[in-house]
Amino acid sequence: MKSFTTRKIVVAGVMSAIAILLGATHLGFITGIFGLSITIMHIPVIIGAVLEGPIVGLIIGFLFGLFSLIQGAIAPTSPGDVWFVNPLLSILPRLFIGPFAWLVYRALKGVSEVLALVVSGIVGSLTNTVLVLGMIGLLGHLPWAALPAIVVANGLPEAAVGAIITLAVVAAWKGIRRGRQGADL
């Protein structure tokens, strides 16, 4: 097993700080139709995992979840936010975002780096959506019948945004070129 390098620590720290900043400032929420918020707070988890592996993704996911728990306890902005004081809802689902995104990235990067980044962004986003909503259903906060509509209204747009931002940030970080001269695509 590779050692935990300075680079991994730095990427984990920077991506964790971005996730916390997005939450604390509410820049991580894009208000949509009917007042629904689309979150981008999980994207630093995906990016960290793709760049530095599943353990880095797990660490950033834990900090994202911990921040959700704290915010639900001290600064809820909607009635549903108080549900997130339960670590089964706020932390546990977020631990899987990075490892799942990394697994998909690793499986597909030999086929196409761009495809791997796009699909890992989608899978990481949907991991967050499905596991958080699944826990909401298991804990009885909302009826199971209400959850598919939330997946469509929030989860699918979040997955699209996750794919685009993951591709843009990681491609820029890695210097992936596109166009006629860019053999990296």
Protein backbone atom coordinates (compact mmCIF):
# COMPACT_ATOMS: atom_id res chain seq x y z
CA MET A 1 0.00 0.00 0.00
CA LYS A 2 1.32 3.43 -0.92
CA SER A 3 2.11 5.79 1.90
CA PHE A 4 -0.04 8.78 2.64
CA THR A 5 1.98 11.39 0.78
CA THR A 6 2.17 15.11 1.33
CA ARG A 7 0.28 15.56 -1.94
CA LYS A 8 -2.59 13.37 -0.68
CA ILE A 9 -2.75 15.34 2.56
CA VAL A 10 -2.76 18.65 0.69
CA VAL A 11 -5.47 17.55 -1.78
CA ALA A 12 -7.60 16.16 1.08
CA GLY A 13 -7.18 19.42 3.02
CA VAL A 14 -7.93 21.71 0.09
CA MET A 15 -10.96 19.73 -1.08
CA SER A 16 -12.28 19.46 2.50
CA ALA A 17 -11.87 23.22 2.93
CA ILE A 18 -13.75 23.83 -0.32
CA ALA A 19 -16.61 21.54 0.78
CA ILE A 20 -16.83 23.32 4.13
CA LEU A 21 -16.65 26.76 2.49
CA LEU A 22 -19.43 25.79 0.07
CA GLY A 23 -21.60 24.73 3.00
CA ALA A 24 -20.82 27.60 5.36
CA THR A 25 -21.46 30.25 2.72
CA HIS A 26 -24.35 28.36 1.08
CA LEU A 27 -22.55 28.71 -2.24
CA GLY A 28 -22.81 24.93 -2.43
CA PHE A 29 -26.55 25.15 -3.02
CA ILE A 30 -28.04 26.25 -6.33
CA THR A 31 -31.65 27.23 -5.77
CA GLY A 32 -33.85 25.81 -8.48
CA ILE A 33 -37.48 25.64 -9.45
CA PHE A 34 -40.00 25.54 -6.59
CA GLY A 35 -37.29 26.38 -4.04
CA LEU A 36 -35.48 23.05 -4.42
CA SER A 37 -31.74 23.27 -3.84
CA ILE A 38 -29.23 21.42 -5.94
CA THR A 39 -26.03 20.81 -4.00
CA ILE A 40 -22.50 20.80 -5.34
CA MET A 41 -20.94 20.13 -1.94
CA HIS A 42 -20.18 16.52 -2.84
CA ILE A 43 -18.06 17.48 -5.85
CA PRO A 44 -14.85 18.13 -3.86
CA VAL A 45 -15.24 14.58 -2.50
CA ILE A 46 -15.39 13.19 -6.04
CA ILE A 47 -12.48 15.30 -7.26
CA GLY A 48 -10.31 14.38 -4.28
CA ALA A 49 -11.00 10.68 -4.80
CA VAL A 50 -10.31 10.82 -8.53
CA LEU A 51 -7.05 12.71 -8.00
CA GLU A 52 -5.72 10.86 -4.95
CA GLY A 53 -7.70 7.68 -4.35
CA PRO A 54 -10.51 6.24 -2.22
CA ILE A 55 -9.00 7.01 1.20
CA VAL A 56 -8.72 10.71 0.36
CA GLY A 57 -12.32 10.58 -0.92
CA LEU A 58 -13.41 8.88 2.30
CA ILE A 59 -11.71 11.57 4.43
CA ILE A 60 -13.27 14.43 2.48
CA GLY A 61 -16.64 12.66 2.54
CA PHE A 62 -16.37 12.29 6.32
CA LEU A 63 -15.62 16.00 6.73
CA PHE A 64 -18.50 16.89 4.38
CA GLY A 65 -20.82 14.72 6.46
CA LEU A 66 -19.51 16.10 9.75
CA PHE A 67 -20.10 19.63 8.47
CA SER A 68 -23.66 18.63 7.50
CA LEU A 69 -24.22 17.27 11.00
CA ILE A 70 -22.90 20.44 12.66
CA GLN A 71 -24.87 22.71 10.35
CA GLY A 72 -28.04 20.71 10.97
CA ALA A 73 -27.50 21.17 14.71
CA ILE A 74 -26.54 24.85 14.88
CA ALA A 75 -27.73 26.53 11.69
CA PRO A 76 -30.57 24.66 9.96
CA THR A 77 -32.05 26.56 7.03
CA SER A 78 -35.06 24.34 6.38
CA PRO A 79 -37.19 21.95 8.43
CA GLY A 80 -35.47 18.91 6.90
CA ASP A 81 -32.01 20.12 7.91
CA VAL A 82 -32.58 19.02 11.50
CA TRP A 83 -32.73 15.40 10.30
CA PHE A 84 -29.01 15.67 9.58
CA VAL A 85 -28.08 15.74 13.27
CA ASN A 86 -28.25 11.95 12.95
CA PRO A 87 -24.82 10.73 11.75
CA LEU A 88 -26.50 7.82 9.94
CA LEU A 89 -27.97 10.47 7.62
CA SER A 90 -25.32 13.18 7.63
CA ILE A 91 -22.07 11.19 7.70
CA LEU A 92 -22.56 7.54 6.70
CA PRO A 93 -23.82 8.10 3.11
CA ARG A 94 -21.05 10.64 2.41
CA LEU A 95 -18.35 8.06 3.21
CA PHE A 96 -19.21 6.15 0.03
CA ILE A 97 -19.12 9.04 -2.48
CA GLY A 98 -15.35 9.09 -2.97
CA PRO A 99 -14.69 5.35 -3.02
CA PHE A 100 -17.51 4.70 -5.52
CA ALA A 101 -16.39 7.57 -7.77
CA TRP A 102 -12.79 6.32 -7.59
CA LEU A 103 -13.79 2.75 -8.48
CA VAL A 104 -15.63 3.95 -11.58
CA TYR A 105 -12.78 6.28 -12.56
CA ARG A 106 -10.22 3.52 -12.15
CA ALA A 107 -12.31 1.07 -14.18
CA LEU A 108 -12.87 3.48 -17.09
CA LYS A 109 -9.70 5.57 -17.33
CA GLY A 110 -8.04 3.01 -19.59
CA VAL A 111 -10.91 3.36 -22.05
CA SER A 112 -11.11 7.17 -22.02
CA GLU A 113 -9.99 9.70 -19.43
CA VAL A 114 -12.89 12.00 -20.32
CA LEU A 115 -15.46 9.20 -20.08
CA ALA A 116 -13.96 8.11 -16.76
CA LEU A 117 -14.23 11.64 -15.32
CA VAL A 118 -17.78 12.20 -16.55
CA VAL A 119 -19.08 8.85 -15.31
CA SER A 120 -17.26 9.15 -11.96
CA GLY A 121 -18.88 12.57 -11.49
CA ILE A 122 -22.30 11.07 -12.20
CA VAL A 123 -21.76 8.01 -9.99
CA GLY A 124 -20.39 10.07 -7.09
CA SER A 125 -23.32 12.47 -7.29
CA LEU A 126 -25.90 9.71 -7.50
CA THR A 127 -24.21 7.86 -4.64
CA ASN A 128 -24.82 10.90 -2.45
CA THR A 129 -28.42 11.27 -3.64
CA VAL A 130 -29.44 7.63 -3.42
CA LEU A 131 -27.79 6.90 -0.07
CA VAL A 132 -29.02 10.09 1.64
CA LEU A 133 -32.56 9.60 0.34
CA GLY A 134 -32.42 5.91 1.17
CA MET A 135 -31.49 6.77 4.74
CA ILE A 136 -34.28 9.38 4.87
CA GLY A 137 -36.68 6.63 3.83
CA LEU A 138 -35.25 4.09 6.29
CA LEU A 139 -35.48 6.58 9.15
CA GLY A 140 -39.09 7.36 8.22
CA HIS A 141 -38.60 11.08 7.61
CA LEU A 142 -40.39 10.92 4.24
CA PRO A 143 -42.54 8.24 2.64
CA TRP A 144 -40.75 6.02 0.12
CA ALA A 145 -43.21 7.11 -2.58
CA ALA A 146 -41.93 10.72 -2.35
CA LEU A 147 -38.28 9.82 -2.93
CA PRO A 148 -38.25 9.09 -6.71
CA ALA A 149 -39.54 12.60 -7.44
CA ILE A 150 -36.65 14.04 -5.42
CA VAL A 151 -34.17 11.89 -7.35
CA VAL A 152 -35.54 13.28 -10.62
CA ALA A 153 -35.85 16.90 -9.44
CA ASN A 154 -32.55 17.12 -7.56
CA GLY A 155 -30.47 14.01 -8.16
CA LEU A 156 -30.33 14.08 -11.94
CA PRO A 157 -29.42 17.78 -12.21
CA GLU A 158 -26.81 17.28 -9.47
CA ALA A 159 -25.36 14.36 -11.43
CA ALA A 160 -25.13 16.47 -14.59
CA VAL A 161 -23.45 19.33 -12.72
CA GLY A 162 -21.16 16.83 -10.96
CA ALA A 163 -20.07 15.36 -14.29
CA ILE A 164 -19.34 18.76 -15.84
CA ILE A 165 -17.45 20.20 -12.86
CA THR A 166 -15.49 17.00 -12.23
CA LEU A 167 -14.44 16.86 -15.88
CA ALA A 168 -13.49 20.55 -15.99
CA VAL A 169 -11.53 20.64 -12.73
CA VAL A 170 -9.67 17.34 -13.08
CA ALA A 171 -8.93 17.91 -16.77
CA ALA A 172 -7.46 21.32 -15.91
CA TRP A 173 -5.53 19.85 -12.96
CA LYS A 174 -4.07 17.05 -15.06
CA GLY A 175 -3.55 19.23 -18.12
CA ILE A 176 -5.75 17.09 -20.34
CA ARG A 177 -5.88 18.67 -23.77
CA ARG A 178 -8.70 18.58 -26.25
CA GLY A 179 -8.98 19.36 -29.91
CA ARG A 180 -6.92 18.30 -32.94
CA GLN A 181 -3.57 18.66 -31.21
CA GLY A 182 -4.75 17.05 -27.96
CA ALA A 183 -4.07 13.36 -28.02
CA ASP A 184 -5.15 13.02 -24.39
CA LEU A 185 -8.84 12.73 -25.24
